[in-house]
Amino acid sequence: MTTISGVITFEQIVALAVALKGDSLFHPSFAELLDLRQATFTSLTFQELAQLARTIDPFSPKALRAIVAPDDLIYGTSRIYQAVRDQGNNVQVFRTMEEARAWLRLSDDSGVQNRQSA
């Protein structure tokens, strides 16, 4: 599980990707639950989203990724990322944590650990 709060910047996302790649416990096939409920703003451009999706993202294109983004701007930006990144319906964007957890087939007591926060 990854949680990002406040303003989401390109530099912040790149730093998170580098940290994950350098973590010996990380594997690209892991599923991710990305919690953006505390995110307040992003100015990520389409070009930055495309670069993140195509070259920086540490996850395998086949890894399941659920993004929780209730805010309209963050939700829309996440959907653009989904469109650029997703090649097999492995990335989904949700408004609620419950929907995302259900899609990932996680129970409330699954013990998901928040390994990276930004």
C-alpha atoms as a PDB file:
ATOM      1  CA  MET A   1       0.000   0.000   0.000  1.00  0.00           C
ATOM      2  CA  THR A   2       1.247   3.433  -0.934  1.00  0.00           C
ATOM      3  CA  THR A   3      -0.186   6.604   0.579  1.00  0.00           C
ATOM      4  CA  ILE A   4       0.422  10.051  -0.846  1.00  0.00           C
ATOM      5  CA  SER A   5      -0.844  13.190   0.843  1.00  0.00           C
ATOM      6  CA  GLY A   6      -0.728  16.877   0.014  1.00  0.00           C
ATOM      7  CA  VAL A   7       0.418  18.081  -3.384  1.00  0.00           C
ATOM      8  CA  ILE A   8       1.516  15.340  -5.794  1.00  0.00           C
ATOM      9  CA  THR A   9       4.608  16.306  -7.794  1.00  0.00           C
ATOM     10  CA  PHE A  10       6.515  14.564 -10.560  1.00  0.00           C
ATOM     11  CA  GLU A  11       9.674  14.618  -8.434  1.00  0.00           C
ATOM     12  CA  GLN A  12       7.839  12.992  -5.531  1.00  0.00           C
ATOM     13  CA  ILE A  13       6.575  10.133  -7.711  1.00  0.00           C
ATOM     14  CA  VAL A  14      10.030   9.593  -9.246  1.00  0.00           C
ATOM     15  CA  ALA A  15      11.590   9.457  -5.754  1.00  0.00           C
ATOM     16  CA  LEU A  16       8.977   6.921  -4.661  1.00  0.00           C
ATOM     17  CA  ALA A  17       9.674   4.735  -7.721  1.00  0.00           C
ATOM     18  CA  VAL A  18      13.430   4.864  -7.066  1.00  0.00           C
ATOM     19  CA  ALA A  19      12.867   3.927  -3.406  1.00  0.00           C
ATOM     20  CA  LEU A  20      10.687   0.962  -4.374  1.00  0.00           C
ATOM     21  CA  LYS A  21      13.195  -0.277  -6.958  1.00  0.00           C
ATOM     22  CA  GLY A  22      15.928  -0.099  -4.316  1.00  0.00           C
ATOM     23  CA  ASP A  23      13.918  -1.992  -1.682  1.00  0.00           C
ATOM     24  CA  SER A  24      15.075  -5.617  -1.486  1.00  0.00           C
ATOM     25  CA  LEU A  25      11.573  -6.625  -0.298  1.00  0.00           C
ATOM     26  CA  PHE A  26       9.894  -5.138  -3.385  1.00  0.00           C
ATOM     27  CA  HIS A  27       9.023  -7.248  -6.419  1.00  0.00           C
ATOM     28  CA  PRO A  28       7.572  -5.769  -9.649  1.00  0.00           C
ATOM     29  CA  SER A  29       4.757  -8.331  -9.665  1.00  0.00           C
ATOM     30  CA  PHE A  30       3.327  -7.089  -6.348  1.00  0.00           C
ATOM     31  CA  ALA A  31      -0.195  -5.689  -6.376  1.00  0.00           C
ATOM     32  CA  GLU A  32      -0.527  -2.078  -5.219  1.00  0.00           C
ATOM     33  CA  LEU A  33      -3.223  -0.212  -3.375  1.00  0.00           C
ATOM     34  CA  LEU A  34      -2.477   3.483  -3.974  1.00  0.00           C
ATOM     35  CA  ASP A  35      -4.278   5.716  -1.493  1.00  0.00           C
ATOM     36  CA  LEU A  36      -4.680   9.298  -2.742  1.00  0.00           C
ATOM     37  CA  ARG A  37      -7.503  10.238  -0.358  1.00  0.00           C
ATOM     38  CA  GLN A  38      -5.280  12.800   1.380  1.00  0.00           C
ATOM     39  CA  ALA A  39      -3.863  14.248  -1.854  1.00  0.00           C
ATOM     40  CA  THR A  40      -4.922  17.844  -2.373  1.00  0.00           C
ATOM     41  CA  PHE A  41      -3.585  18.858  -5.790  1.00  0.00           C
ATOM     42  CA  THR A  42      -1.474  17.722  -8.703  1.00  0.00           C
ATOM     43  CA  SER A  43      -0.104  19.572 -11.689  1.00  0.00           C
ATOM     44  CA  LEU A  44       1.237  16.478 -13.449  1.00  0.00           C
ATOM     45  CA  THR A  45       1.206  16.975 -17.204  1.00  0.00           C
ATOM     46  CA  PHE A  46       0.262  14.343 -19.779  1.00  0.00           C
ATOM     47  CA  GLN A  47       3.928  14.147 -20.787  1.00  0.00           C
ATOM     48  CA  GLU A  48       4.965  13.474 -17.175  1.00  0.00           C
ATOM     49  CA  LEU A  49       2.217  10.871 -16.721  1.00  0.00           C
ATOM     50  CA  ALA A  50       3.331   9.141 -19.918  1.00  0.00           C
ATOM     51  CA  GLN A  51       6.965   9.146 -18.784  1.00  0.00           C
ATOM     52  CA  LEU A  52       5.958   7.732 -15.397  1.00  0.00           C
ATOM     53  CA  ALA A  53       3.832   5.034 -17.002  1.00  0.00           C
ATOM     54  CA  ARG A  54       6.265   3.980 -19.686  1.00  0.00           C
ATOM     55  CA  THR A  55       9.724   4.264 -18.127  1.00  0.00           C
ATOM     56  CA  ILE A  56       9.688   5.085 -14.401  1.00  0.00           C
ATOM     57  CA  ASP A  57       6.933   2.921 -12.893  1.00  0.00           C
ATOM     58  CA  PRO A  58       8.621   0.078 -10.956  1.00  0.00           C
ATOM     59  CA  PHE A  59       5.631  -2.279 -11.219  1.00  0.00           C
ATOM     60  CA  SER A  60       5.198  -4.886 -13.922  1.00  0.00           C
ATOM     61  CA  PRO A  61       2.525  -4.015 -16.520  1.00  0.00           C
ATOM     62  CA  LYS A  62       0.745  -7.181 -15.353  1.00  0.00           C
ATOM     63  CA  ALA A  63       0.680  -6.185 -11.658  1.00  0.00           C
ATOM     64  CA  LEU A  64      -2.746  -5.345 -10.263  1.00  0.00           C
ATOM     65  CA  ARG A  65      -2.986  -1.678  -9.248  1.00  0.00           C
ATOM     66  CA  ALA A  66      -5.953  -0.081  -7.494  1.00  0.00           C
ATOM     67  CA  ILE A  67      -5.912   3.705  -7.123  1.00  0.00           C
ATOM     68  CA  VAL A  68      -8.252   5.408  -4.641  1.00  0.00           C
ATOM     69  CA  ALA A  69      -8.922   9.018  -5.641  1.00  0.00           C
ATOM     70  CA  PRO A  70     -12.147  10.657  -4.414  1.00  0.00           C
ATOM     71  CA  ASP A  71     -11.108  14.204  -5.461  1.00  0.00           C
ATOM     72  CA  ASP A  72     -12.231  15.080  -9.012  1.00  0.00           C
ATOM     73  CA  LEU A  73      -8.848  16.466 -10.161  1.00  0.00           C
ATOM     74  CA  ILE A  74      -6.855  13.590  -8.666  1.00  0.00           C
ATOM     75  CA  TYR A  75      -9.380  11.072 -10.031  1.00  0.00           C
ATOM     76  CA  GLY A  76      -9.150  12.542 -13.544  1.00  0.00           C
ATOM     77  CA  THR A  77      -5.357  12.595 -13.457  1.00  0.00           C
ATOM     78  CA  SER A  78      -5.350   8.984 -12.221  1.00  0.00           C
ATOM     79  CA  ARG A  79      -7.641   7.967 -15.082  1.00  0.00           C
ATOM     80  CA  ILE A  80      -5.242   9.534 -17.588  1.00  0.00           C
ATOM     81  CA  TYR A  81      -2.396   7.567 -15.994  1.00  0.00           C
ATOM     82  CA  GLN A  82      -4.549   4.428 -16.185  1.00  0.00           C
ATOM     83  CA  ALA A  83      -5.169   4.989 -19.897  1.00  0.00           C
ATOM     84  CA  VAL A  84      -1.460   5.434 -20.625  1.00  0.00           C
ATOM     85  CA  ARG A  85      -0.215   2.604 -18.374  1.00  0.00           C
ATOM     86  CA  ASP A  86      -2.847  -0.091 -18.539  1.00  0.00           C
ATOM     87  CA  GLN A  87      -2.520  -2.788 -21.158  1.00  0.00           C
ATOM     88  CA  GLY A  88      -4.831  -5.416 -19.707  1.00  0.00           C
ATOM     89  CA  ASN A  89      -7.239  -3.839 -17.241  1.00  0.00           C
ATOM     90  CA  ASN A  90      -4.671  -4.284 -14.466  1.00  0.00           C
ATOM     91  CA  VAL A  91      -4.960  -0.668 -13.312  1.00  0.00           C
ATOM     92  CA  GLN A  92      -8.282   0.577 -11.970  1.00  0.00           C
ATOM     93  CA  VAL A  93      -9.242   3.899 -10.376  1.00  0.00           C
ATOM     94  CA  PHE A  94     -11.853   4.043  -7.625  1.00  0.00           C
ATOM     95  CA  ARG A  95     -13.551   6.742  -5.573  1.00  0.00           C
ATOM     96  CA  THR A  96     -13.615   4.664  -2.367  1.00  0.00           C
ATOM     97  CA  MET A  97     -11.224   2.406  -0.473  1.00  0.00           C
ATOM     98  CA  GLU A  98     -13.950  -0.219  -0.168  1.00  0.00           C
ATOM     99  CA  GLU A  99     -14.304  -0.510  -3.960  1.00  0.00           C
ATOM    100  CA  ALA A 100     -10.530  -0.731  -4.426  1.00  0.00           C
ATOM    101  CA  ARG A 101     -10.095  -3.359  -1.702  1.00  0.00           C
ATOM    102  CA  ALA A 102     -12.941  -5.412  -3.163  1.00  0.00           C
ATOM    103  CA  TRP A 103     -11.405  -5.280  -6.644  1.00  0.00           C
ATOM    104  CA  LEU A 104      -8.057  -6.429  -5.211  1.00  0.00           C
ATOM    105  CA  ARG A 105      -9.933  -9.061  -3.183  1.00  0.00           C
ATOM    106  CA  LEU A 106      -8.586  -7.734   0.120  1.00  0.00           C
ATOM    107  CA  SER A 107     -10.513  -8.120   3.336  1.00  0.00           C
ATOM    108  CA  ASP A 108     -10.479  -5.373   5.953  1.00  0.00           C
ATOM    109  CA  ASP A 109      -8.143  -7.466   8.093  1.00  0.00           C
ATOM    110  CA  SER A 110      -5.774  -8.569   5.312  1.00  0.00           C
ATOM    111  CA  GLY A 111      -2.766  -6.996   6.974  1.00  0.00           C
ATOM    112  CA  VAL A 112      -1.822  -4.800   4.024  1.00  0.00           C
ATOM    113  CA  GLN A 113       1.274  -2.862   4.999  1.00  0.00           C
ATOM    114  CA  ASN A 114       1.912   0.714   4.012  1.00  0.00           C
ATOM    115  CA  ARG A 115       5.530   0.403   2.890  1.00  0.00           C
ATOM    116  CA  GLN A 116       5.970   3.825   1.283  1.00  0.00           C
ATOM    117  CA  SER A 117       4.412   7.148   2.103  1.00  0.00           C
ATOM    118  CA  ALA A 118       5.068  10.467   0.478  1.00  0.00           C
END
